[in-house]
Structures are given as C-alpha cells and as structure tokens.
Protein backbone atom coordinates (compact mmCIF):
# COMPACT_ATOMS: atom_id res chain seq x y z
CA MET A 1 20.59 -6.49 16.81
CA ASP A 2 20.18 -6.11 12.99
CA GLN A 3 17.72 -8.75 11.61
CA ARG A 4 17.29 -9.44 8.00
CA PRO A 5 13.74 -8.81 6.91
CA PRO A 6 11.69 -11.96 5.92
CA VAL A 7 11.21 -12.81 2.22
CA SER A 8 7.40 -12.59 2.93
CA ALA A 9 7.77 -8.85 3.45
CA TYR A 10 9.41 -8.42 -0.15
CA ALA A 11 6.71 -10.80 -1.58
CA ALA A 12 4.02 -8.60 0.03
CA ALA A 13 5.48 -5.46 -1.39
CA VAL A 14 5.43 -6.95 -5.03
CA GLY A 15 1.96 -8.23 -4.63
CA MET A 16 0.85 -4.82 -3.31
CA THR A 17 2.43 -3.06 -6.24
CA LEU A 18 0.75 -5.43 -8.79
CA ALA A 19 -2.73 -4.70 -7.26
CA PHE A 20 -2.14 -0.97 -7.25
CA GLY A 21 -1.00 -1.16 -10.81
CA LEU A 22 -4.24 -2.65 -11.76
CA SER A 23 -6.22 -0.15 -9.70
CA PHE A 24 -5.86 2.59 -12.27
CA VAL A 25 -7.70 0.67 -14.92
CA ALA A 26 -10.26 -0.30 -12.30
CA THR A 27 -10.80 3.24 -11.25
CA LYS A 28 -11.23 4.31 -14.93
CA THR A 29 -13.85 1.61 -15.15
CA ALA A 30 -15.65 2.73 -11.91
CA LEU A 31 -15.68 6.34 -13.20
CA LYS A 32 -18.07 5.34 -15.90
CA GLY A 33 -20.91 5.15 -13.35
CA PHE A 34 -19.73 6.77 -10.22
CA GLU A 35 -18.25 10.26 -9.19
CA PRO A 36 -14.64 10.18 -8.00
CA LEU A 37 -15.38 10.80 -4.28
CA LEU A 38 -18.33 8.44 -4.09
CA ILE A 39 -16.00 5.70 -5.47
CA ALA A 40 -13.72 6.29 -2.64
CA LEU A 41 -16.47 6.49 -0.03
CA LEU A 42 -17.93 3.12 -1.32
CA ARG A 43 -14.66 1.25 -1.27
CA PHE A 44 -13.54 2.43 2.14
CA THR A 45 -16.93 1.76 3.75
CA LEU A 46 -17.17 -1.82 2.26
CA ALA A 47 -13.52 -2.55 2.95
CA GLY A 48 -13.65 -1.21 6.47
CA GLY A 49 -16.70 -3.20 7.23
CA ILE A 50 -15.44 -6.48 5.98
CA LEU A 51 -12.17 -6.03 7.71
CA TRP A 52 -13.81 -4.93 11.05
CA ALA A 53 -15.91 -8.18 10.84
CA VAL A 54 -12.69 -10.28 10.41
CA TRP A 55 -10.85 -8.38 13.11
CA ARG A 56 -13.84 -8.92 15.52
CA LEU A 57 -13.78 -12.56 14.90
CA ARG A 58 -10.24 -13.12 15.78
CA PRO A 59 -9.95 -14.85 19.26
CA GLU A 60 -7.06 -12.58 20.49
CA ARG A 61 -7.82 -9.39 18.73
CA GLU A 62 -5.81 -6.20 19.57
CA GLN A 63 -7.57 -3.49 21.62
CA LEU A 64 -7.67 0.16 20.38
CA THR A 65 -6.16 2.55 22.87
CA ARG A 66 -6.93 6.16 23.21
CA ARG A 67 -3.25 6.93 22.54
CA GLU A 68 -3.43 5.27 19.14
CA LEU A 69 -6.88 6.67 18.25
CA GLY A 70 -5.57 9.95 17.03
CA ARG A 71 -2.67 8.49 15.10
CA LEU A 72 -4.94 5.99 13.39
CA ALA A 73 -7.40 8.76 12.51
CA LEU A 74 -4.55 10.94 10.99
CA ILE A 75 -3.30 7.81 8.99
CA GLY A 76 -6.80 7.19 7.71
CA PHE A 77 -7.32 10.78 6.78
CA VAL A 78 -3.96 11.21 4.91
CA SER A 79 -3.58 7.80 3.31
CA LEU A 80 -7.17 7.39 2.20
CA THR A 81 -9.32 10.62 2.42
CA VAL A 82 -6.68 12.97 1.18
CA TYR A 83 -4.82 10.62 -1.19
CA PHE A 84 -7.86 9.23 -2.98
CA SER A 85 -9.59 12.63 -3.15
CA PHE A 86 -6.69 13.75 -5.27
CA GLU A 87 -6.09 10.46 -7.11
CA ASN A 88 -9.52 9.67 -8.14
CA SER A 89 -10.23 13.34 -9.13
CA GLY A 90 -6.94 13.25 -11.10
CA ILE A 91 -7.59 9.93 -12.86
CA ALA A 92 -11.02 11.21 -13.85
CA ARG A 93 -9.12 14.10 -15.74
CA THR A 94 -6.07 12.32 -17.05
CA SER A 95 -5.14 8.85 -18.56
CA ALA A 96 -4.48 5.91 -16.38
CA SER A 97 -0.93 5.58 -17.95
CA GLU A 98 0.03 9.10 -17.10
CA ALA A 99 -1.47 8.83 -13.57
CA ALA A 100 0.37 5.66 -12.83
CA ILE A 101 3.78 7.16 -13.95
CA LEU A 102 3.26 10.22 -11.69
CA ILE A 103 2.27 7.96 -8.69
CA ALA A 104 5.63 6.39 -9.19
CA THR A 105 7.30 9.53 -7.91
CA ILE A 106 6.13 8.62 -4.26
CA PRO A 107 9.69 7.62 -3.36
CA ILE A 108 11.05 10.81 -4.52
CA PHE A 109 8.75 12.76 -2.15
CA VAL A 110 9.59 10.32 0.65
CA ALA A 111 13.27 11.14 0.29
CA VAL A 112 12.56 14.86 0.05
CA LEU A 113 10.36 14.90 3.30
CA GLY A 114 13.09 12.76 4.99
CA VAL A 115 15.49 15.57 4.33
CA PHE A 116 13.35 18.58 5.17
CA ALA A 117 10.97 17.15 7.81
CA ARG A 118 13.18 14.57 9.50
CA GLY A 119 16.67 16.02 9.09
CA GLU A 120 17.95 13.01 7.22
CA ARG A 121 20.96 13.48 5.07
CA ALA A 122 20.81 12.81 1.37
CA THR A 123 23.89 11.75 -0.64
CA GLY A 124 24.80 13.39 -4.02
CA ARG A 125 23.46 10.24 -5.84
CA GLN A 126 20.14 10.84 -4.07
CA TRP A 127 20.00 14.59 -4.97
CA ALA A 128 20.84 13.62 -8.67
CA GLY A 129 18.00 11.15 -8.71
CA ILE A 130 15.58 13.63 -7.25
CA LEU A 131 16.47 16.16 -9.79
CA LEU A 132 16.35 13.76 -12.66
CA SER A 133 12.99 12.49 -11.55
CA PHE A 134 11.53 15.96 -11.24
CA ALA A 135 12.82 16.81 -14.69
CA GLY A 136 10.80 13.87 -16.03
CA ILE A 137 7.82 14.88 -14.04
CA VAL A 138 7.89 18.43 -15.54
CA ALA A 139 8.23 16.97 -19.07
CA LEU A 140 5.35 14.57 -18.50
CA VAL A 141 3.08 17.13 -16.97
CA LEU A 142 3.81 19.47 -19.84
CA ALA A 143 2.97 16.77 -22.43
CA ALA A 144 -0.33 16.11 -20.70
CA GLY A 145 -3.06 15.10 -23.18
CA ALA A 146 -0.77 14.43 -25.97
CA ALA A 147 -1.90 10.63 -25.93
CA GLY A 148 -5.41 11.55 -25.63
CA GLY A 149 -7.35 11.53 -22.26
CA GLY A 150 -4.77 13.40 -20.20
CA SER A 151 -4.74 16.96 -18.85
CA LEU A 152 -2.51 19.27 -16.87
CA THR A 153 -5.17 19.54 -14.10
CA GLY A 154 -5.38 15.91 -13.77
CA ASN A 155 -1.74 15.26 -13.67
CA LEU A 156 -1.24 17.95 -10.91
CA LEU A 157 -4.01 16.34 -8.89
CA VAL A 158 -2.28 12.97 -9.17
CA LEU A 159 1.03 14.64 -8.08
CA ALA A 160 -0.72 15.93 -4.92
CA ALA A 161 -1.78 12.40 -4.23
CA SER A 162 1.75 11.31 -4.50
CA VAL A 163 2.79 13.87 -1.85
CA SER A 164 0.11 12.72 0.46
CA ALA A 165 1.30 9.03 0.17
CA ALA A 166 4.74 10.08 0.98
CA VAL A 167 3.43 11.68 4.18
CA TYR A 168 1.53 8.45 5.00
CA SER A 169 4.73 6.46 4.59
CA ILE A 170 6.52 8.49 7.28
CA LEU A 171 3.45 8.50 9.64
CA ALA A 172 2.65 4.77 9.50
CA ARG A 173 6.00 3.41 9.93
CA ARG A 174 6.16 3.55 13.83
CA LEU A 175 2.71 2.29 14.44
CA LEU A 176 3.08 -0.76 12.03
CA VAL A 177 6.17 -1.90 13.87
CA SER A 178 4.04 -2.75 17.05
CA ARG A 179 0.57 -3.40 15.47
CA SER A 180 -0.70 -6.04 12.92
CA ALA A 181 -1.45 -5.11 9.39
CA LEU A 182 -5.14 -6.21 9.75
CA PHE A 183 -5.55 -3.96 12.84
CA VAL A 184 -4.16 -0.81 11.04
CA THR A 185 -5.76 -1.56 7.83
CA THR A 186 -9.17 -1.93 9.41
CA TRP A 187 -9.16 1.38 11.31
CA GLN A 188 -7.48 3.01 8.41
CA ASN A 189 -10.36 2.30 6.17
CA LEU A 190 -13.01 3.11 8.77
CA PHE A 191 -11.43 6.55 9.43
CA GLY A 192 -10.92 7.07 5.70
CA ALA A 193 -14.71 6.48 5.17
CA LEU A 194 -15.65 8.78 8.08
CA PHE A 195 -13.75 11.70 6.73
CA MET A 196 -14.57 11.01 3.04
CA ALA A 197 -18.44 10.97 3.82
CA PRO A 198 -19.03 14.78 4.03
CA LEU A 199 -16.75 15.34 0.98
CA ALA A 200 -18.82 12.77 -1.04
CA LEU A 201 -21.94 14.38 0.14
CA VAL A 202 -20.76 17.80 -1.12
CA GLU A 203 -19.87 16.18 -4.43
CA ALA A 204 -23.38 14.66 -4.72
CA LEU A 205 -25.07 17.97 -4.02
CA VAL A 206 -22.99 19.77 -6.65
CA VAL A 207 -22.67 17.26 -9.54
CA GLY A 208 -25.51 14.83 -8.65
CA VAL A 209 -25.39 10.97 -8.59
CA ARG A 210 -25.35 8.97 -11.92
CA ARG A 211 -27.04 5.55 -12.45
CA PRO A 212 -24.29 3.05 -11.92
CA THR A 213 -23.66 0.40 -14.60
CA ALA A 214 -22.62 -3.23 -13.95
CA GLU A 215 -19.18 -2.63 -15.38
CA ALA A 216 -18.75 0.32 -12.99
CA ALA A 217 -20.02 -1.60 -9.97
CA GLY A 218 -17.49 -4.36 -10.87
CA GLY A 219 -14.76 -1.72 -10.86
CA VAL A 220 -15.70 -0.65 -7.29
CA LEU A 221 -15.81 -4.17 -6.14
CA PHE A 222 -12.36 -4.81 -7.58
CA LEU A 223 -11.12 -1.63 -5.83
CA THR A 224 -12.63 -2.77 -2.57
CA LEU A 225 -11.55 -6.45 -2.40
CA VAL A 226 -8.16 -6.39 -4.28
CA CYS A 227 -6.89 -2.90 -3.64
CA SER A 228 -8.42 -1.63 -0.40
CA ILE A 229 -8.22 -4.92 1.41
CA VAL A 230 -5.59 -7.18 -0.04
CA ALA A 231 -3.24 -4.52 -1.30
CA TYR A 232 -3.24 -2.46 1.84
CA LEU A 233 -2.87 -5.66 4.18
CA LEU A 234 0.13 -6.48 1.93
CA LEU A 235 1.46 -2.76 2.11
CA ASN A 236 1.04 -2.61 5.89
CA TYR A 237 2.61 -5.96 6.38
CA ALA A 238 5.69 -4.81 4.36
CA PHE A 239 5.85 -1.54 6.32
CA ARG A 240 6.13 -3.66 9.54
CA PHE A 241 9.50 -5.09 8.40
CA LEU A 242 10.87 -2.74 5.87
CA PRO A 243 11.70 0.86 6.12
CA ALA A 244 9.45 3.37 4.25
CA SER A 245 12.07 4.20 1.65
CA ARG A 246 12.67 0.48 0.80
CA VAL A 247 8.84 -0.26 0.50
CA SER A 248 8.43 2.86 -1.68
CA VAL A 249 10.90 1.43 -4.26
CA PHE A 250 8.48 -1.21 -5.19
CA ILE A 251 6.13 1.46 -6.43
CA ASN A 252 8.45 1.57 -9.46
CA LEU A 253 6.64 -1.54 -10.69
CA THR A 254 3.22 0.24 -10.68
CA PRO A 255 3.56 2.12 -13.82
CA ILE A 256 4.75 -0.95 -15.74
CA VAL A 257 1.69 -2.89 -14.61
CA ALA A 258 -0.63 0.05 -15.13
CA VAL A 259 0.63 1.13 -18.57
CA ALA A 260 0.45 -2.58 -19.70
CA SER A 261 -3.08 -3.11 -18.41
CA ALA A 262 -4.27 0.28 -19.76
CA PHE A 263 -2.99 -0.63 -23.11
CA VAL A 264 -4.64 -3.99 -23.10
CA LEU A 265 -7.85 -3.16 -21.49
CA LEU A 266 -8.39 0.50 -22.30
CA GLY A 267 -6.49 0.91 -25.49
CA GLU A 268 -4.35 3.84 -24.03
CA ARG A 269 -1.02 4.56 -25.70
CA LEU A 270 1.94 6.84 -24.69
CA THR A 271 3.52 9.08 -27.16
CA LEU A 272 7.24 8.91 -27.75
CA ALA A 273 7.82 12.05 -25.67
CA GLN A 274 5.65 10.77 -22.78
CA ALA A 275 7.46 7.47 -22.78
CA ALA A 276 10.93 9.20 -22.71
CA ALA A 277 9.68 11.32 -19.78
CA ALA A 278 8.35 8.18 -18.03
CA VAL A 279 11.82 6.49 -18.35
CA VAL A 280 13.47 9.66 -16.88
CA VAL A 281 11.11 9.63 -13.94
CA VAL A 282 11.48 5.94 -13.21
CA ALA A 283 15.44 6.22 -13.71
CA GLY A 284 15.45 9.13 -11.20
CA VAL A 285 13.46 7.10 -8.68
CA TRP A 286 15.78 4.15 -9.04
CA LEU A 287 18.82 6.37 -8.59
CA THR A 288 17.41 7.95 -5.50
CA ASN A 289 16.62 4.82 -3.78
CA SER A 290 19.26 2.25 -5.02
CA GLY A 291 21.67 1.35 -2.28
CA ARG A 292 21.37 1.77 1.46
CA SER A 293 21.63 5.41 2.62
CA GLY A 294 21.63 7.30 5.84
CA ALA A 295 18.05 8.35 5.05
CA GLU A 296 16.92 4.73 4.88
CA ALA A 297 18.60 3.85 8.15
CA ALA A 298 16.91 6.77 9.94
CA THR A 299 13.49 5.74 8.44
CA ALA A 300 13.94 2.17 9.76
CA SER A 301 14.16 3.29 13.33
C-alpha cells in the first residue's frame, strides 16, 4: 500500500540542507587552525561520542547485529571518511561558494549510478538534465580561481566528494527503512572516526599540527553539533521515508545558503561566468529530478 511521506520528512530535508549550506563557511573557518583530515576526525569523534551516550541512555535502544555491522562500517567509511577526506581537502584549495555549487551535483551522480549500477531507466528529460548539469560543471571547473580562492584541484576533489555522497545515498536507503536515524547516525560517526584516524595521523606526520585558534575551534564545534549531529539526524530521518533521489533534490538549496553565507561572512564573490555556470548546474539538477520517474520508484523499494 502506497503511503504518503510525513511532512516532517520534508521539513527534515530542508533543515539538513540549511545546515549543510552553512557547513562550507564553518569548514573554511576551522581550516584557519586545523588541517583538513584532523577537522574530520575531531568532528566524527566528538559527534560519535555524544550520539553514543544519547543512544545508550535510551530505555529501549536498538541492538547492533553482526549482519548490520559490515553495512554500518561501509556506510561510515563512504559517507564520512571518504566524503570528508575529499570535501575538506577540496574546500582548503577552493572557495566555499564553488565547493557548494559542485556539491549540488550529488543528485546527478545519484541518477547516473541508478542507471549504471542498479539498472534503472532514465527518461529523455533526465538525460537532458544530466548533460546540462555536466556542461555547467565543466564550465565552473574551468573557471576555477576566477573569483579568488578557487583552484582546479580543489574543485575536482569536491566533485569526488559528490560521487561518494551519491554512493552513500544508495547504500543507506535500505538500512534506514528499518533502523532509527539516531542508531545509524551514531554508528556512522563512530566508524567514520575509526577509518579517518590513520589518515589524520599520516597527515599530521607529513604536514604537522598547527596551534588552533578560538575561531577555528568554534568552527569545529559548529561542524560537530550542527552538521555532524543535527544535520545527519535530519538526513537519515528523511531517508527513512523518502527515496534517495527525492532527498537529494533538497541539496539544490545548499549552494544558495552557502553562497549567501560565504558572501556575508567571508566576503566571497562569484564572477559573472561562474554565476552563469552555477545556474546551468542547478537547472540541470532540477531537470533531472523534477517529476516522479522510474528511477525514483526503484530507489524507493
């Protein structure tokens, strides 16, 4: 029987996107006193510890089974360790605005993975949106650095993060149908920290550890409480009721929040060419995901 998703699922998706939009400015702030992978390790460890304590205090908490252990480890590795290794390293080398626009391509990669990895059928409208969005991506990547603070390497790293996020969207869907958002988010952060620890150690040995500033520490705290805990709880709650392709559409709001906050708080500005490329990217994402498709129906199962 087909049931309409609750309004709370859509509200959660919107709140998650607003938090993720602000995360780009927070990451730029944290990078003033911490290296990229150390930031990720700190936020996963702190968030995982807080969430684990909350989960343990629940009177009827869910039990972790051996069957789920491997899937939770994979989800934590892909969604946190891999994703933030690419994203933080990318943001360190490009502007927050450009990074946010490129992260908005996650729905495009979700659609492409659905076609090639899951055998879903894409409509002509979806293929047109995919091609349009990729054209905008190419234009934005080639224009890297025009507004100051951007780079080709940084933009490519952020694109790699988008691909890993799309993989996570596919992997997490089935588990979140039967498990609470708190349960999945807790173990997601714990496994993300576990796999990030050796990478952060190598980073520290190669580039060293800087003396953190109060501003940078505040950025890490914001990333931990608002982005790693609140935003991921909202994201996983939304995934419980909505198909991955529909949840990913809300990522369209991320660049709007990120560009606006980067303009106000960091003084970043996009050039006319970059703004035009951003419009093309978002238009392609909207075209790909507007309206219900066979791919969406398959993802919902």
